[in-house]
Protein backbone atom coordinates (compact mmCIF):
# COMPACT_ATOMS: atom_id res chain seq x y z
CA MET A 1 16.17 -63.07 -81.13
CA LYS A 2 16.27 -59.63 -80.02
CA LYS A 3 15.52 -58.74 -76.96
CA ARG A 4 13.77 -55.73 -75.58
CA ILE A 5 13.15 -54.31 -72.06
CA ASN A 6 10.24 -51.72 -72.72
CA LEU A 7 11.15 -48.86 -69.61
CA PHE A 8 7.39 -47.52 -70.35
CA LYS A 9 4.93 -50.66 -69.81
CA VAL A 10 3.54 -50.78 -66.34
CA HIS A 11 3.84 -53.69 -64.74
CA PRO A 12 0.41 -54.99 -62.97
CA ILE A 13 0.86 -54.37 -59.15
CA GLN A 14 0.59 -58.08 -58.55
CA GLU A 15 3.82 -58.31 -59.65
CA ILE A 16 5.40 -56.07 -57.23
CA PRO A 17 4.41 -56.83 -53.28
CA ILE A 18 5.12 -53.37 -51.71
CA LEU A 19 3.03 -52.16 -53.65
CA LYS A 20 0.30 -54.10 -53.33
CA PHE A 21 0.61 -54.29 -49.60
CA PHE A 22 -0.30 -50.10 -49.60
CA SER A 23 -2.86 -50.55 -52.16
CA GLY A 24 -5.84 -51.66 -50.27
CA ARG A 25 -7.44 -50.26 -46.88
CA VAL A 26 -4.47 -50.86 -45.27
CA GLY A 27 -2.44 -47.63 -47.67
CA LEU A 28 -5.31 -45.51 -46.61
CA ILE A 29 -5.19 -45.46 -42.94
CA PHE A 30 -1.54 -45.27 -43.34
CA ASN A 31 -1.94 -42.53 -45.77
CA LEU A 32 -4.23 -40.69 -43.21
CA VAL A 33 -2.16 -41.32 -40.37
CA GLY A 34 0.52 -39.94 -42.43
CA VAL A 35 -1.94 -37.15 -42.94
CA ILE A 36 -2.57 -36.68 -38.86
CA CYS A 37 1.05 -37.00 -37.27
CA PHE A 38 2.07 -34.65 -40.40
CA LEU A 39 -1.03 -32.02 -38.92
CA VAL A 40 -0.31 -33.02 -35.27
CA PHE A 41 3.36 -32.29 -36.00
CA LEU A 42 2.82 -28.54 -37.60
CA PHE A 43 0.35 -27.34 -33.85
CA PHE A 44 3.46 -28.39 -32.03
CA ILE A 45 5.08 -26.03 -34.04
CA TYR A 46 2.23 -23.39 -34.40
CA LEU A 47 2.59 -23.72 -30.30
CA ASN A 48 6.74 -24.16 -29.86
CA ILE A 49 6.20 -20.26 -32.12
CA ARG A 50 3.89 -18.78 -29.17
CA LEU A 51 5.37 -19.96 -26.73
CA ASN A 52 9.00 -18.37 -28.47
CA ALA A 53 7.00 -15.71 -28.78
CA ASP A 54 5.82 -15.07 -24.87
CA ILE A 55 9.44 -15.99 -23.47
CA SER A 56 10.17 -13.21 -25.59
CA ALA A 57 7.56 -10.53 -24.03
CA SER A 58 7.81 -11.28 -20.68
CA ILE A 59 11.98 -11.01 -21.38
CA ALA A 60 11.37 -7.89 -22.59
CA ALA A 61 8.87 -6.40 -19.77
CA ARG A 62 11.15 -7.65 -17.48
CA GLN A 63 13.58 -5.95 -18.88
CA GLU A 64 11.65 -2.37 -19.00
CA TYR A 65 10.29 -3.59 -15.00
CA LEU A 66 14.64 -3.97 -13.84
CA GLN A 67 15.25 -0.68 -15.80
CA PHE A 68 12.89 1.14 -13.59
CA LEU A 69 14.09 -0.28 -10.21
CA LEU A 70 17.23 0.70 -11.05
CA LYS A 71 16.15 4.74 -11.87
CA ASN A 72 14.07 4.30 -9.30
CA ASP A 73 16.17 2.49 -6.73
CA GLY A 74 15.10 5.29 -4.12
CA LEU A 75 11.39 4.89 -4.74
CA GLU A 76 11.30 0.79 -3.38
CA VAL A 77 12.12 2.55 0.08
CA LYS A 78 9.67 5.01 -0.55
CA LEU A 79 6.82 2.74 -0.94
CA GLN A 80 8.41 0.26 1.45
CA TYR A 81 7.82 2.95 4.36
CA PHE A 82 4.06 3.81 2.64
CA LYS A 83 3.93 0.22 3.38
CA SER A 84 5.09 0.14 7.06
CA LYS A 85 2.81 3.25 8.00
CA GLN A 86 -0.38 2.35 6.52
CA ASN A 87 0.11 -0.74 8.19
CA GLN A 88 1.10 1.54 11.07
CA LEU A 89 -2.60 3.09 10.56
CA ASN A 90 -4.42 -0.48 9.51
CA THR A 91 -3.08 -1.34 13.93
CA TYR A 92 -4.02 2.06 15.58
CA ALA A 93 -7.65 1.86 13.74
CA LYS A 94 -8.58 -1.50 15.23
CA ASP A 95 -6.69 -0.95 18.09
CA ASP A 96 -8.19 2.92 18.36
CA ALA A 97 -10.09 4.25 21.36
CA ARG A 98 -11.87 6.73 19.18
CA PHE A 99 -10.82 9.42 22.11
CA LEU A 100 -12.35 12.40 21.64
CA PRO A 101 -16.40 11.47 21.65
CA TYR A 102 -15.55 10.39 25.16
CA TYR A 103 -13.20 13.33 25.39
CA ASN A 104 -16.14 15.48 24.77
CA ILE A 105 -18.59 13.75 27.66
CA LEU A 106 -16.59 13.80 30.55
CA VAL A 107 -16.17 18.03 29.50
CA GLU A 108 -19.40 18.25 28.79
CA ALA A 109 -19.88 16.97 32.30
CA LEU A 110 -17.59 18.29 34.03
CA GLU A 111 -18.45 21.86 32.47
CA TYR A 112 -22.24 22.26 34.35
CA ALA A 113 -20.02 21.97 37.55
CA THR A 114 -19.93 24.81 39.71
CA ASN A 115 -16.76 26.73 39.66
CA SER A 116 -15.54 24.20 37.39
CA PRO A 117 -13.03 22.22 37.87
CA SER A 118 -9.66 21.44 36.06
CA LEU A 119 -9.69 18.31 34.41
CA ASP A 120 -5.73 17.41 35.14
CA SER A 121 -4.94 13.82 32.89
CA VAL A 122 -7.29 11.59 31.61
CA VAL A 123 -6.10 8.25 30.08
CA ILE A 124 -10.00 6.29 28.10
CA ASP A 125 -8.83 2.63 26.16
CA LYS A 126 -10.00 0.83 23.41
CA ASP A 127 -13.07 -0.93 25.71
CA ARG A 128 -14.08 2.32 26.84
CA ASN A 129 -12.73 2.56 29.92
CA THR A 130 -11.71 5.61 31.40
CA ASN A 131 -8.59 6.98 34.40
CA PHE A 132 -8.72 11.82 35.21
CA VAL A 133 -7.79 13.43 37.47
CA VAL A 134 -10.07 16.80 38.74
CA LYS A 135 -8.29 19.56 40.80
CA LEU A 136 -9.73 21.99 42.52
CA ASN A 137 -8.68 25.29 44.16
CA ASP A 138 -11.26 25.35 47.38
CA PHE A 139 -12.82 23.61 50.41
CA ASP A 140 -16.74 25.11 49.08
CA SER A 141 -16.50 23.63 44.98
CA ALA A 142 -14.79 19.94 46.52
CA ILE A 143 -17.97 19.32 48.69
CA SER A 144 -20.17 20.72 44.89
CA PHE A 145 -18.46 19.22 42.56
CA LEU A 146 -18.74 15.88 44.78
CA LYS A 147 -22.29 16.54 45.12
CA TYR A 148 -22.59 16.87 41.46
CA VAL A 149 -20.33 13.39 40.24
CA GLU A 150 -23.26 12.07 42.42
CA SER A 151 -26.09 13.36 40.69
CA PRO A 152 -27.47 11.34 38.64
CA ILE A 153 -26.08 14.36 35.18
CA PHE A 154 -22.86 13.36 35.86
CA LEU A 155 -23.33 9.35 36.11
CA GLY A 156 -25.58 9.32 33.48
CA SER A 157 -23.04 8.91 31.54
CA PHE A 158 -20.63 6.32 32.94
CA SER A 159 -21.75 2.23 33.35
CA SER A 160 -19.36 2.03 36.28
CA LEU A 161 -16.95 5.55 37.82
CA ASN A 162 -15.59 5.54 41.70
CA LEU A 163 -13.43 7.99 43.45
CA VAL A 164 -9.88 5.50 43.31
CA ASP A 165 -8.06 8.56 45.34
CA PHE A 166 -8.36 11.95 46.90
CA ASN A 167 -5.56 13.94 47.58
CA LEU A 168 -4.64 17.93 49.32
CA PHE A 169 -2.24 19.98 48.69
CA GLU A 170 -0.95 22.93 50.40
CA GLY A 171 0.94 25.31 48.40
CA GLU A 172 3.93 27.08 50.49
CA ASP A 173 2.53 30.12 51.78
CA VAL A 174 0.07 29.88 54.53
CA LYS A 175 -2.87 32.32 52.69
CA ALA A 176 -2.01 29.81 49.56
CA ASN A 177 -5.42 27.75 49.07
CA LYS A 178 -5.25 24.77 48.73
CA ASN A 179 -6.02 22.22 46.63
CA TYR A 180 -7.89 19.17 46.37
CA GLN A 181 -7.28 16.26 43.31
CA PHE A 182 -9.32 13.85 42.55
CA THR A 183 -9.03 10.55 40.78
CA PHE A 184 -11.30 8.62 39.09
CA GLN A 185 -12.06 5.41 37.59
CA GLY A 186 -14.96 3.82 35.67
CA ALA A 187 -15.95 2.88 32.07
CA PHE A 188 -17.98 5.77 29.67
CA ASN A 189 -21.42 3.79 27.89
CA GLU A 190 -21.39 3.32 24.58
CA ILE A 191 -22.51 5.88 22.17
CA SER A 192 -23.48 4.97 19.70
CA ASN A 193 -21.87 5.97 15.96
CA ASN A 194 -25.21 8.03 14.25
CA THR A 195 -24.18 10.60 17.20
CA LEU A 196 -20.63 10.82 16.63
C-alpha cells in the first residue's frame, strides 16, 4: 500500500498549538495592539518629518538674518546708538524740570517791575526749586524792585522766596553807575498741566 501525502488538505486547528493560541480573544487583542503600535509609529514618523521641516525653516531664516547682518554691519551700530539716545531721552524726560513755563512766569513777573531788571542767571530743578540773579543799574530802581518783590503780585508765583545775597559793583569810572545784584532762592508754586 502506498501512502500519499496530501498537501492541500487543511489540518484542523487543534493539531497546531500556536494557531490555536492566536485564534481566540488573545489573538484579537494582539492584533489590536499591533495595529495601535503601527499607528503610533506612523504618528512619530509624521512628527519627525514636521520637526525636521521646522528646523530646516529656522535654519534658512537664521541664514537669511546672518546674511542681512553681514551686509548691514553698520546698521547694528546705528541701532545701538539710537537705543542709547532713546534711553537718554527717557532719563531726561523723567528728570525734566519743565523749565520753560516757570522761566516764563519769572520773566513775566519781572516785566512788571519799574525799570525792568535784567535776569542774569536762572536755575530751576525738577522739584521747582529755583535760584536766580537779578541785576539793576541804579539805587532808585533797586529800591523800587525790592518793594515790588515784596508785593503779592510777585510773591504769588512762589511758595517760598528768600533774598540770599546782595552785591554792589562799582565801575572803574567814578561817573559810572553802580550795579546792584540780588540773588534769590525759593520754590515756584506748582502749575497745572492745562496751563502749560
